[in-house]
C-alpha atoms as a PDB file:
ATOM      1  CA  MET A   1     -18.137  75.293  87.033  1.00  0.00           C
ATOM      2  CA  PRO A   2     -15.207  75.415  89.113  1.00  0.00           C
ATOM      3  CA  SER A   3     -11.668  75.609  87.691  1.00  0.00           C
ATOM      4  CA  LEU A   4      -9.371  72.570  88.702  1.00  0.00           C
ATOM      5  CA  GLY A   5      -6.638  73.691  91.396  1.00  0.00           C
ATOM      6  CA  TRP A   6      -3.329  72.409  91.824  1.00  0.00           C
ATOM      7  CA  GLN A   7      -4.040  70.024  94.280  1.00  0.00           C
ATOM      8  CA  GLU A   8      -7.003  68.606  92.289  1.00  0.00           C
ATOM      9  CA  LEU A   9      -4.617  67.796  88.774  1.00  0.00           C
ATOM     10  CA  VAL A  10      -2.136  66.179  91.003  1.00  0.00           C
ATOM     11  CA  ILE A  11      -4.954  63.767  92.646  1.00  0.00           C
ATOM     12  CA  VAL A  12      -6.071  62.972  89.006  1.00  0.00           C
ATOM     13  CA  LEU A  13      -2.562  62.534  87.628  1.00  0.00           C
ATOM     14  CA  ILE A  14      -1.923  59.534  90.332  1.00  0.00           C
ATOM     15  CA  ILE A  15      -5.444  58.107  89.877  1.00  0.00           C
ATOM     16  CA  VAL A  16      -4.335  58.018  85.622  1.00  0.00           C
ATOM     17  CA  VAL A  17      -0.855  56.410  86.931  1.00  0.00           C
ATOM     18  CA  ILE A  18      -2.399  53.882  89.597  1.00  0.00           C
ATOM     19  CA  ILE A  19      -5.334  53.152  86.517  1.00  0.00           C
ATOM     20  CA  PHE A  20      -2.855  52.904  83.361  1.00  0.00           C
ATOM     21  CA  GLY A  21       0.919  51.988  84.560  1.00  0.00           C
ATOM     22  CA  ALA A  22       3.604  54.598  84.398  1.00  0.00           C
ATOM     23  CA  GLY A  23       5.017  52.705  80.780  1.00  0.00           C
ATOM     24  CA  LYS A  24       1.445  53.422  79.347  1.00  0.00           C
ATOM     25  CA  LEU A  25       1.699  57.273  79.889  1.00  0.00           C
ATOM     26  CA  PRO A  26       3.987  58.309  76.688  1.00  0.00           C
ATOM     27  CA  GLU A  27       1.255  56.386  74.456  1.00  0.00           C
ATOM     28  CA  ILE A  28      -1.422  57.755  75.972  1.00  0.00           C
ATOM     29  CA  GLY A  29       0.436  61.227  75.696  1.00  0.00           C
ATOM     30  CA  GLY A  30       0.960  60.553  71.934  1.00  0.00           C
ATOM     31  CA  ALA A  31      -2.403  59.443  70.923  1.00  0.00           C
ATOM     32  CA  MET A  32      -3.905  62.608  72.455  1.00  0.00           C
ATOM     33  CA  GLY A  33      -1.823  65.022  70.748  1.00  0.00           C
ATOM     34  CA  LYS A  34      -2.650  63.050  67.680  1.00  0.00           C
ATOM     35  CA  SER A  35      -6.105  63.301  68.258  1.00  0.00           C
ATOM     36  CA  ILE A  36      -6.032  67.253  68.743  1.00  0.00           C
ATOM     37  CA  LYS A  37      -3.903  67.434  65.809  1.00  0.00           C
ATOM     38  CA  GLU A  38      -6.625  65.519  64.047  1.00  0.00           C
ATOM     39  CA  PHE A  39      -9.848  67.704  65.464  1.00  0.00           C
ATOM     40  CA  LYS A  40      -8.250  70.918  64.778  1.00  0.00           C
ATOM     41  CA  LYS A  41      -7.257  70.458  61.059  1.00  0.00           C
ATOM     42  CA  GLU A  42     -11.108  68.812  60.998  1.00  0.00           C
ATOM     43  CA  SER A  43     -12.498  71.825  62.592  1.00  0.00           C
ATOM     44  CA  GLU A  44      -9.851  74.043  59.943  1.00  0.00           C
ATOM     45  CA  GLU A  45     -11.874  72.265  56.618  1.00  0.00           C
ATOM     46  CA  VAL A  46     -15.091  73.118  58.349  1.00  0.00           C
ATOM     47  CA  ASN A  47     -14.497  76.425  59.246  1.00  0.00           C
ATOM     48  CA  ALA A  48     -12.905  76.800  54.963  1.00  0.00           C
ATOM     49  CA  ILE A  49     -15.991  75.434  54.220  1.00  0.00           C
ATOM     50  CA  GLY A  50     -18.059  77.813  55.680  1.00  0.00           C
ATOM     51  CA  ASP A  51     -16.339  80.567  53.989  1.00  0.00           C
ATOM     52  CA  GLY A  52     -16.955  79.352  50.417  1.00  0.00           C
ATOM     53  CA  THR A  53     -13.669  77.464  49.937  1.00  0.00           C
ATOM     54  CA  SER A  54     -13.088  73.841  50.427  1.00  0.00           C
ATOM     55  CA  ALA A  55      -9.276  72.008  51.512  1.00  0.00           C
ATOM     56  CA  THR A  56      -8.790  68.726  49.523  1.00  0.00           C
ATOM     57  CA  SER A  57      -5.506  67.168  51.625  1.00  0.00           C
ATOM     58  CA  THR A  58      -3.283  65.408  49.321  1.00  0.00           C
ATOM     59  CA  ASN A  59      -0.055  63.789  49.979  1.00  0.00           C
ATOM     60  CA  ALA A  60       1.549  66.901  48.551  1.00  0.00           C
ATOM     61  CA  GLY A  61      -0.106  69.209  51.111  1.00  0.00           C
ATOM     62  CA  THR A  62      -3.445  71.041  51.452  1.00  0.00           C
ATOM     63  CA  VAL A  63      -4.919  72.337  48.106  1.00  0.00           C
ATOM     64  CA  SER A  64      -7.552  75.159  48.437  1.00  0.00           C
ATOM     65  CA  GLN A  65     -10.138  75.465  45.972  1.00  0.00           C
ATOM     66  CA  SER A  66     -13.179  77.614  45.335  1.00  0.00           C
ATOM     67  CA  VAL A  67     -16.846  76.123  46.257  1.00  0.00           C
ATOM     68  CA  ASP A  68     -19.339  76.993  43.676  1.00  0.00           C
ATOM     69  CA  SER A  69     -22.995  77.311  44.847  1.00  0.00           C
ATOM     70  CA  THR A  70     -24.238  77.791  41.250  1.00  0.00           C
ATOM     71  CA  GLN A  71     -26.826  75.032  40.311  1.00  0.00           C
ATOM     72  CA  VAL A  72     -26.844  73.012  37.041  1.00  0.00           C
ATOM     73  CA  ARG A  73     -30.613  71.698  35.723  1.00  0.00           C
ATOM     74  CA  ALA A  74     -30.400  68.314  33.924  1.00  0.00           C
ATOM     75  CA  ASP A  75     -31.118  69.698  30.871  1.00  0.00           C
ATOM     76  CA  GLU A  76     -28.228  71.820  30.580  1.00  0.00           C
ATOM     77  CA  ILE A  77     -26.025  69.527  30.382  1.00  0.00           C
END
């Protein structure tokens, strides 16, 4: 797949400005930034779960805890 050069990026930017208008570009950029930030956060949580720890998000921050993979039978309780 060929990479995009500066000419192609300029054309895409012009088309975006025509479609959405210059006033909406900051809102679109902010929404994209938030989406990327949340995607990175979720992918880090998935990686932490795969490593044997899970991240729990709270108002004070993120708390990591160990995931116990042992199973308890119903008659042992």
